[in-house]
PDB file of N, CA and C in Angstrom:
ATOM      1  N   MET A   1      13.424 -15.975  10.007  1.00  0.00           N
ATOM      2  CA  MET A   1      12.552 -16.250  10.866  1.00  0.00           C
ATOM      3  C   MET A   1      11.499 -16.271   9.887  1.00  0.00           C
ATOM      4  N   ASN A   2      10.272 -17.252   9.966  1.00  0.00           N
ATOM      5  CA  ASN A   2       9.189 -17.868   9.038  1.00  0.00           C
ATOM      6  C   ASN A   2       8.299 -16.911   9.337  1.00  0.00           C
ATOM      7  N   LEU A   3       7.853 -16.423  10.401  1.00  0.00           N
ATOM      8  CA  LEU A   3       6.220 -16.145  10.656  1.00  0.00           C
ATOM      9  C   LEU A   3       6.014 -14.922   9.551  1.00  0.00           C
ATOM     10  N   ASP A   4       4.283 -15.526   9.483  1.00  0.00           N
ATOM     11  CA  ASP A   4       3.826 -14.807   8.229  1.00  0.00           C
ATOM     12  C   ASP A   4       2.554 -13.981   9.651  1.00  0.00           C
ATOM     13  N   LEU A   5       2.509 -12.848   9.431  1.00  0.00           N
ATOM     14  CA  LEU A   5       2.405 -11.927   9.807  1.00  0.00           C
ATOM     15  C   LEU A   5       1.141 -12.046   9.877  1.00  0.00           C
ATOM     16  N   ARG A   6       0.103 -12.439   8.508  1.00  0.00           N
ATOM     17  CA  ARG A   6      -1.010 -13.085   8.440  1.00  0.00           C
ATOM     18  C   ARG A   6      -1.636 -13.444   9.597  1.00  0.00           C
ATOM     19  N   LEU A   7      -0.954 -14.455  10.179  1.00  0.00           N
ATOM     20  CA  LEU A   7      -1.143 -15.312  11.785  1.00  0.00           C
ATOM     21  C   LEU A   7      -1.700 -14.481  12.762  1.00  0.00           C
ATOM     22  N   PRO A   8      -0.727 -13.330  13.411  1.00  0.00           N
ATOM     23  CA  PRO A   8      -1.207 -12.583  14.478  1.00  0.00           C
ATOM     24  C   PRO A   8      -2.767 -12.067  14.219  1.00  0.00           C
ATOM     25  N   MET A   9      -2.048 -11.501  12.796  1.00  0.00           N
ATOM     26  CA  MET A   9      -3.211 -10.170  12.543  1.00  0.00           C
ATOM     27  C   MET A   9      -4.678 -10.965  12.460  1.00  0.00           C
ATOM     28  N   GLY A  10      -4.470 -12.384  12.174  1.00  0.00           N
ATOM     29  CA  GLY A  10      -5.833 -12.994  11.340  1.00  0.00           C
ATOM     30  C   GLY A  10      -6.845 -13.544  12.939  1.00  0.00           C
ATOM     31  N   LEU A  11      -5.394 -13.601  14.188  1.00  0.00           N
ATOM     32  CA  LEU A  11      -6.039 -14.212  15.022  1.00  0.00           C
ATOM     33  C   LEU A  11      -6.404 -13.312  15.698  1.00  0.00           C
ATOM     34  N   MET A  12      -6.202 -11.817  16.284  1.00  0.00           N
ATOM     35  CA  MET A  12      -6.246 -10.785  16.609  1.00  0.00           C
ATOM     36  C   MET A  12      -7.994 -10.283  16.029  1.00  0.00           C
ATOM     37  N   PHE A  13      -8.241 -10.161  14.863  1.00  0.00           N
ATOM     38  CA  PHE A  13      -9.444  -9.965  14.165  1.00  0.00           C
ATOM     39  C   PHE A  13     -10.879 -11.208  14.330  1.00  0.00           C
ATOM     40  N   THR A  14      -9.624 -12.180  14.646  1.00  0.00           N
ATOM     41  CA  THR A  14     -11.148 -13.430  14.520  1.00  0.00           C
ATOM     42  C   THR A  14     -11.625 -13.149  16.238  1.00  0.00           C
ATOM     43  N   LEU A  15     -10.556 -13.056  17.011  1.00  0.00           N
ATOM     44  CA  LEU A  15     -11.237 -12.748  18.618  1.00  0.00           C
ATOM     45  C   LEU A  15     -11.961 -11.281  18.585  1.00  0.00           C
ATOM     46  N   THR A  16     -11.673 -10.529  18.094  1.00  0.00           N
ATOM     47  CA  THR A  16     -12.592  -8.749  18.055  1.00  0.00           C
ATOM     48  C   THR A  16     -13.650  -9.453  17.290  1.00  0.00           C
ATOM     49  N   GLY A  17     -13.882 -10.290  16.475  1.00  0.00           N
ATOM     50  CA  GLY A  17     -15.123 -10.566  15.805  1.00  0.00           C
ATOM     51  C   GLY A  17     -16.210 -11.376  16.716  1.00  0.00           C
ATOM     52  N   VAL A  18     -15.057 -12.256  17.184  1.00  0.00           N
ATOM     53  CA  VAL A  18     -16.146 -12.977  18.113  1.00  0.00           C
ATOM     54  C   VAL A  18     -16.530 -11.978  19.261  1.00  0.00           C
ATOM     55  N   ILE A  19     -15.983 -11.140  20.090  1.00  0.00           N
ATOM     56  CA  ILE A  19     -16.262 -10.693  21.099  1.00  0.00           C
ATOM     57  C   ILE A  19     -17.429  -9.333  20.698  1.00  0.00           C
ATOM     58  N   MET A  20     -17.233  -9.038  19.674  1.00  0.00           N
ATOM     59  CA  MET A  20     -18.425  -8.294  18.792  1.00  0.00           C
ATOM     60  C   MET A  20     -19.616  -8.736  18.898  1.00  0.00           C
ATOM     61  N   SER A  21     -19.064  -9.647  18.186  1.00  0.00           N
ATOM     62  CA  SER A  21     -20.426 -10.647  18.311  1.00  0.00           C
ATOM     63  C   SER A  21     -21.682 -11.234  19.002  1.00  0.00           C
ATOM     64  N   LEU A  22     -21.128 -11.520  19.748  1.00  0.00           N
ATOM     65  CA  LEU A  22     -21.282 -12.218  21.004  1.00  0.00           C
ATOM     66  C   LEU A  22     -21.974 -11.001  21.801  1.00  0.00           C
ATOM     67  N   TYR A  23     -21.628 -10.100  21.957  1.00  0.00           N
ATOM     68  CA  TYR A  23     -21.834  -8.774  22.128  1.00  0.00           C
ATOM     69  C   TYR A  23     -22.936  -8.226  21.651  1.00  0.00           C
ATOM     70  N   GLY A  24     -22.844  -8.106  20.688  1.00  0.00           N
ATOM     71  CA  GLY A  24     -24.581  -8.041  19.644  1.00  0.00           C
ATOM     72  C   GLY A  24     -25.387  -9.048  19.665  1.00  0.00           C
ATOM     73  N   MET A  25     -25.034 -10.259  20.181  1.00  0.00           N
ATOM     74  CA  MET A  25     -26.286 -11.002  19.959  1.00  0.00           C
ATOM     75  C   MET A  25     -26.813 -10.966  21.336  1.00  0.00           C
ATOM     76  N   ALA A  26     -26.403 -10.090  22.292  1.00  0.00           N
ATOM     77  CA  ALA A  26     -26.909 -10.242  24.006  1.00  0.00           C
ATOM     78  C   ALA A  26     -27.358  -9.193  23.671  1.00  0.00           C
ATOM     79  N   THR A  27     -27.223  -8.248  23.032  1.00  0.00           N
ATOM     80  CA  THR A  27     -27.524  -6.836  23.404  1.00  0.00           C
ATOM     81  C   THR A  27     -28.557  -6.784  21.972  1.00  0.00           C
ATOM     82  N   ASN A  28     -29.345  -7.779  21.451  1.00  0.00           N
ATOM     83  CA  ASN A  28     -30.164  -7.357  20.075  1.00  0.00           C
ATOM     84  C   ASN A  28     -31.008  -6.903  20.475  1.00  0.00           C
ATOM     85  N   GLY A  29     -31.913  -7.148  21.422  1.00  0.00           N
ATOM     86  CA  GLY A  29     -32.948  -6.354  21.596  1.00  0.00           C
ATOM     87  C   GLY A  29     -32.921  -4.992  22.092  1.00  0.00           C
ATOM     88  N   ASP A  30     -32.578  -4.546  22.610  1.00  0.00           N
ATOM     89  CA  ASP A  30     -31.952  -3.241  23.352  1.00  0.00           C
ATOM     90  C   ASP A  30     -32.294  -1.906  22.283  1.00  0.00           C
ATOM     91  N   ALA A  31     -33.254  -1.625  22.165  1.00  0.00           N
ATOM     92  CA  ALA A  31     -33.572  -0.619  20.742  1.00  0.00           C
ATOM     93  C   ALA A  31     -32.580   1.046  21.828  1.00  0.00           C
ATOM     94  N   ALA A  32     -32.771   1.226  22.721  1.00  0.00           N
ATOM     95  CA  ALA A  32     -32.584   2.215  23.348  1.00  0.00           C
ATOM     96  C   ALA A  32     -30.882   2.630  23.049  1.00  0.00           C
ATOM     97  N   LEU A  33     -29.919   0.990  22.997  1.00  0.00           N
ATOM     98  CA  LEU A  33     -28.888   1.244  22.664  1.00  0.00           C
ATOM     99  C   LEU A  33     -28.252   1.461  21.339  1.00  0.00           C
ATOM    100  N   TYR A  34     -29.359   1.157  20.578  1.00  0.00           N
ATOM    101  CA  TYR A  34     -28.803   1.071  18.803  1.00  0.00           C
ATOM    102  C   TYR A  34     -29.611   2.287  18.317  1.00  0.00           C
ATOM    103  N   ALA A  35     -30.514   3.400  19.310  1.00  0.00           N
ATOM    104  CA  ALA A  35     -30.822   4.392  18.506  1.00  0.00           C
ATOM    105  C   ALA A  35     -30.187   4.964  17.460  1.00  0.00           C
ATOM    106  N   LYS A  36     -28.751   5.442  17.962  1.00  0.00           N
ATOM    107  CA  LYS A  36     -28.518   6.537  17.405  1.00  0.00           C
ATOM    108  C   LYS A  36     -27.408   5.696  16.185  1.00  0.00           C
ATOM    109  N   SER A  37     -27.688   4.515  16.057  1.00  0.00           N
ATOM    110  CA  SER A  37     -27.344   3.888  15.057  1.00  0.00           C
ATOM    111  C   SER A  37     -28.302   3.174  14.169  1.00  0.00           C
ATOM    112  N   LEU A  38     -29.090   4.007  14.105  1.00  0.00           N
ATOM    113  CA  LEU A  38     -30.871   4.390  13.302  1.00  0.00           C
ATOM    114  C   LEU A  38     -31.551   2.715  13.647  1.00  0.00           C
ATOM    115  N   GLY A  39     -31.447   2.222  14.876  1.00  0.00           N
ATOM    116  CA  GLY A  39     -31.402   0.289  14.719  1.00  0.00           C
ATOM    117  C   GLY A  39     -30.492  -0.388  14.238  1.00  0.00           C
ATOM    118  N   ILE A  40     -29.864   0.356  14.031  1.00  0.00           N
ATOM    119  CA  ILE A  40     -29.095  -1.215  13.390  1.00  0.00           C
ATOM    120  C   ILE A  40     -27.995  -1.746  14.443  1.00  0.00           C
ATOM    121  N   ASN A  41     -27.686  -3.113  14.342  1.00  0.00           N
ATOM    122  CA  ASN A  41     -27.266  -3.444  15.348  1.00  0.00           C
ATOM    123  C   ASN A  41     -25.834  -3.831  14.870  1.00  0.00           C
ATOM    124  N   ALA A  42     -24.552  -2.232  15.689  1.00  0.00           N
ATOM    125  CA  ALA A  42     -23.857  -2.764  14.660  1.00  0.00           C
ATOM    126  C   ALA A  42     -22.729  -3.411  15.042  1.00  0.00           C
ATOM    127  N   ASN A  43     -22.849  -3.752  16.297  1.00  0.00           N
ATOM    128  CA  ASN A  43     -22.213  -4.725  16.985  1.00  0.00           C
ATOM    129  C   ASN A  43     -21.808  -6.376  16.243  1.00  0.00           C
ATOM    130  N   LEU A  44     -23.012  -6.386  15.734  1.00  0.00           N
ATOM    131  CA  LEU A  44     -23.420  -7.847  15.553  1.00  0.00           C
ATOM    132  C   LEU A  44     -22.500  -7.827  13.974  1.00  0.00           C
ATOM    133  N   TRP A  45     -23.312  -6.438  13.172  1.00  0.00           N
ATOM    134  CA  TRP A  45     -22.905  -6.432  11.861  1.00  0.00           C
ATOM    135  C   TRP A  45     -21.329  -6.397  11.519  1.00  0.00           C
ATOM    136  N   TRP A  46     -20.840  -5.370  12.269  1.00  0.00           N
ATOM    137  CA  TRP A  46     -18.809  -5.177  12.282  1.00  0.00           C
ATOM    138  C   TRP A  46     -18.539  -6.705  13.114  1.00  0.00           C
ATOM    139  N   GLY A  47     -18.911  -7.111  13.654  1.00  0.00           N
ATOM    140  CA  GLY A  47     -18.558  -8.362  14.844  1.00  0.00           C
ATOM    141  C   GLY A  47     -18.212  -9.546  13.438  1.00  0.00           C
ATOM    142  N   LEU A  48     -19.584  -9.489  12.502  1.00  0.00           N
ATOM    143  CA  LEU A  48     -19.435 -10.690  11.343  1.00  0.00           C
ATOM    144  C   LEU A  48     -18.081 -10.631  10.850  1.00  0.00           C
ATOM    145  N   VAL A  49     -18.178  -8.881  10.134  1.00  0.00           N
ATOM    146  CA  VAL A  49     -16.851  -8.378   9.280  1.00  0.00           C
ATOM    147  C   VAL A  49     -15.831  -8.519   9.628  1.00  0.00           C
ATOM    148  N   LEU A  50     -15.274  -8.621  11.500  1.00  0.00           N
ATOM    149  CA  LEU A  50     -14.631  -8.794  11.062  1.00  0.00           C
ATOM    150  C   LEU A  50     -14.161 -10.453  11.752  1.00  0.00           C
ATOM    151  N   LEU A  51     -15.141 -10.996  11.907  1.00  0.00           N
ATOM    152  CA  LEU A  51     -14.828 -12.701  11.976  1.00  0.00           C
ATOM    153  C   LEU A  51     -14.332 -13.087  10.726  1.00  0.00           C
ATOM    154  N   VAL A  52     -14.841 -12.403   9.769  1.00  0.00           N
ATOM    155  CA  VAL A  52     -14.806 -13.229   8.316  1.00  0.00           C
ATOM    156  C   VAL A  52     -13.229 -12.598   7.870  1.00  0.00           C
ATOM    157  N   PHE A  53     -12.838 -11.717   8.570  1.00  0.00           N
ATOM    158  CA  PHE A  53     -12.033 -11.167   7.358  1.00  0.00           C
ATOM    159  C   PHE A  53     -10.668 -11.726   8.301  1.00  0.00           C
ATOM    160  N   GLY A  54     -10.806 -11.930   9.780  1.00  0.00           N
ATOM    161  CA  GLY A  54      -9.976 -12.776  10.621  1.00  0.00           C
ATOM    162  C   GLY A  54      -9.469 -14.291  10.205  1.00  0.00           C
ATOM    163  N   LEU A  55     -10.660 -15.151  10.012  1.00  0.00           N
ATOM    164  CA  LEU A  55     -10.581 -16.085   9.478  1.00  0.00           C
ATOM    165  C   LEU A  55      -9.658 -16.519   8.309  1.00  0.00           C
ATOM    166  N   THR A  56     -10.283 -15.368   6.968  1.00  0.00           N
ATOM    167  CA  THR A  56      -9.579 -15.351   6.064  1.00  0.00           C
ATOM    168  C   THR A  56      -8.533 -15.570   6.058  1.00  0.00           C
ATOM    169  N   MET A  57      -7.678 -13.749   7.139  1.00  0.00           N
ATOM    170  CA  MET A  57      -6.631 -14.120   7.171  1.00  0.00           C
ATOM    171  C   MET A  57      -5.469 -15.366   7.726  1.00  0.00           C
ATOM    172  N   THR A  58      -6.500 -15.607   8.692  1.00  0.00           N
ATOM    173  CA  THR A  58      -5.706 -17.314   9.578  1.00  0.00           C
ATOM    174  C   THR A  58      -5.418 -18.621   8.370  1.00  0.00           C
ATOM    175  N   ILE A  59      -6.626 -18.316   7.689  1.00  0.00           N
ATOM    176  CA  ILE A  59      -6.173 -19.443   6.485  1.00  0.00           C
ATOM    177  C   ILE A  59      -5.178 -18.957   5.983  1.00  0.00           C
ATOM    178  N   PHE A  60      -4.921 -18.067   5.360  1.00  0.00           N
ATOM    179  CA  PHE A  60      -4.492 -17.188   4.497  1.00  0.00           C
ATOM    180  C   PHE A  60      -2.769 -17.531   5.227  1.00  0.00           C
ATOM    181  N   GLY A  61      -2.751 -17.123   6.069  1.00  0.00           N
ATOM    182  CA  GLY A  61      -1.614 -17.477   7.414  1.00  0.00           C
ATOM    183  C   GLY A  61      -0.954 -18.742   7.471  1.00  0.00           C
ATOM    184  N   PHE A  62      -1.880 -20.154   7.675  1.00  0.00           N
ATOM    185  CA  PHE A  62      -1.890 -21.221   7.540  1.00  0.00           C
ATOM    186  C   PHE A  62      -0.879 -22.027   6.545  1.00  0.00           C
ATOM    187  N   ARG A  63      -2.044 -21.474   5.291  1.00  0.00           N
ATOM    188  CA  ARG A  63      -1.752 -22.036   3.816  1.00  0.00           C
ATOM    189  C   ARG A  63      -0.376 -21.801   3.647  1.00  0.00           C
ATOM    190  N   GLY A  64       0.322 -19.989   3.521  1.00  0.00           N
ATOM    191  CA  GLY A  64       1.532 -19.707   3.402  1.00  0.00           C
ATOM    192  C   GLY A  64       2.581 -20.368   4.570  1.00  0.00           C
ATOM    193  N   GLN A  65       2.369 -20.407   5.732  1.00  0.00           N
ATOM    194  CA  GLN A  65       3.598 -21.579   6.547  1.00  0.00           C
ATOM    195  C   GLN A  65       3.877 -22.807   5.697  1.00  0.00           C
ATOM    196  N   ARG A  66       2.626 -23.450   5.582  1.00  0.00           N
ATOM    197  CA  ARG A  66       2.898 -24.909   5.319  1.00  0.00           C
ATOM    198  C   ARG A  66       3.697 -24.493   3.602  1.00  0.00           C
ATOM    199  N   ARG A  67       3.437 -23.517   2.874  1.00  0.00           N
ATOM    200  CA  ARG A  67       3.816 -23.632   1.774  1.00  0.00           C
ATOM    201  C   ARG A  67       5.162 -23.609   1.931  1.00  0.00           C
ATOM    202  N   ILE A  68       5.784 -22.416   3.040  1.00  0.00           N
ATOM    203  CA  ILE A  68       7.248 -22.594   3.661  1.00  0.00           C
ATOM    204  C   ILE A  68       8.380 -23.644   3.497  1.00  0.00           C
ATOM    205  N   ALA A  69       7.046 -24.498   4.791  1.00  0.00           N
ATOM    206  CA  ALA A  69       8.067 -25.499   5.046  1.00  0.00           C
ATOM    207  C   ALA A  69       7.796 -26.955   4.217  1.00  0.00           C
ATOM    208  N   ASN A  70       7.029 -26.536   2.785  1.00  0.00           N
ATOM    209  CA  ASN A  70       7.423 -28.204   2.202  1.00  0.00           C
ATOM    210  C   ASN A  70       8.420 -27.317   1.299  1.00  0.00           C
ATOM    211  N   GLU A  71       8.932 -26.107   0.924  1.00  0.00           N
ATOM    212  CA  GLU A  71       9.995 -25.524   0.070  1.00  0.00           C
ATOM    213  C   GLU A  71      10.903 -26.448   0.205  1.00  0.00           C
ATOM    214  N   PRO A  72      11.768 -26.522  -0.593  1.00  0.00           N
ATOM    215  CA  PRO A  72      13.336 -27.367  -0.209  1.00  0.00           C
ATOM    216  C   PRO A  72      14.078 -25.847  -0.075  1.00  0.00           C
ATOM    217  N   PRO A  73      15.136 -26.241   0.735  1.00  0.00           N
ATOM    218  CA  PRO A  73      16.173 -24.920   1.034  1.00  0.00           C
ATOM    219  C   PRO A  73      16.710 -24.266   0.097  1.00  0.00           C
ATOM    220  N   THR A  74      16.879 -23.083  -0.216  1.00  0.00           N
ATOM    221  CA  THR A  74      17.423 -22.760  -1.582  1.00  0.00           C
ATOM    222  C   THR A  74      19.391 -22.760  -1.003  1.00  0.00           C
ATOM    223  N   PRO A  75      20.118 -23.483  -2.064  1.00  0.00           N
ATOM    224  CA  PRO A  75      21.284 -23.236  -1.677  1.00  0.00           C
ATOM    225  C   PRO A  75      22.424 -21.973  -1.932  1.00  0.00           C
ATOM    226  N   VAL A  76      23.060 -21.820  -1.103  1.00  0.00           N
ATOM    227  CA  VAL A  76      23.416 -20.560  -0.829  1.00  0.00           C
ATOM    228  C   VAL A  76      25.030 -20.782  -1.695  1.00  0.00           C
ATOM    229  N   ALA A  77      25.855 -20.206  -2.443  1.00  0.00           N
ATOM    230  CA  ALA A  77      27.008 -20.364  -2.674  1.00  0.00           C
ATOM    231  C   ALA A  77      28.294 -19.881  -1.809  1.00  0.00           C
ATOM    232  N   GLU A  78      29.182 -20.828  -1.659  1.00  0.00           N
ATOM    233  CA  GLU A  78      30.204 -19.682  -0.563  1.00  0.00           C
ATOM    234  C   GLU A  78      30.189 -18.427  -0.927  1.00  0.00           C
ATOM    235  N   GLY A  79      30.661 -17.596   0.275  1.00  0.00           N
ATOM    236  CA  GLY A  79      30.781 -16.290   0.258  1.00  0.00           C
ATOM    237  C   GLY A  79      29.990 -15.314  -0.213  1.00  0.00           C
ATOM    238  N   GLN A  80      28.620 -16.217  -0.850  1.00  0.00           N
ATOM    239  CA  GLN A  80      27.876 -15.156  -1.169  1.00  0.00           C
ATOM    240  C   GLN A  80      26.627 -14.727   0.212  1.00  0.00           C
ATOM    241  N   VAL A  81      26.391 -13.740   0.283  1.00  0.00           N
ATOM    242  CA  VAL A  81      25.309 -13.072   1.259  1.00  0.00           C
ATOM    243  C   VAL A  81      24.193 -13.718   0.649  1.00  0.00           C
ATOM    244  N   ARG A  82      23.057 -14.325   1.514  1.00  0.00           N
ATOM    245  CA  ARG A  82      21.734 -14.435   0.976  1.00  0.00           C
ATOM    246  C   ARG A  82      21.012 -13.232   1.771  1.00  0.00           C
ATOM    247  N   ARG A  83      19.990 -12.227   0.948  1.00  0.00           N
ATOM    248  CA  ARG A  83      19.160 -11.390   1.107  1.00  0.00           C
ATOM    249  C   ARG A  83      18.000 -11.837   0.915  1.00  0.00           C
ATOM    250  N   GLY A  84      17.150 -11.442   1.673  1.00  0.00           N
ATOM    251  CA  GLY A  84      15.464 -11.571   1.833  1.00  0.00           C
ATOM    252  C   GLY A  84      15.056 -12.785   1.254  1.00  0.00           C
ATOM    253  N   HIS A  85      13.780 -12.867   0.591  1.00  0.00           N
ATOM    254  CA  HIS A  85      13.024 -14.251   0.475  1.00  0.00           C
ATOM    255  C   HIS A  85      12.913 -14.138  -0.618  1.00  0.00           C
TER     256      HIS A  85
END
């Protein structure tokens, strides 16, 4: 199986970052909502952090998948069990 875990993780973090960033932008002027966080729009900033992290993971995942697809298959001798990669 050639699934790179960075792809689904990156997509999950990217989606979460987009949702949080949009919510942070929509509630940007609400001082009462962000009074507990000293007036810092935590949804916007952490959404952007998650978005950048998710995009980075997704890019590395696609690069890894492309590298695996371009590698020639490794021959296995008869009677030998191939373990791991």
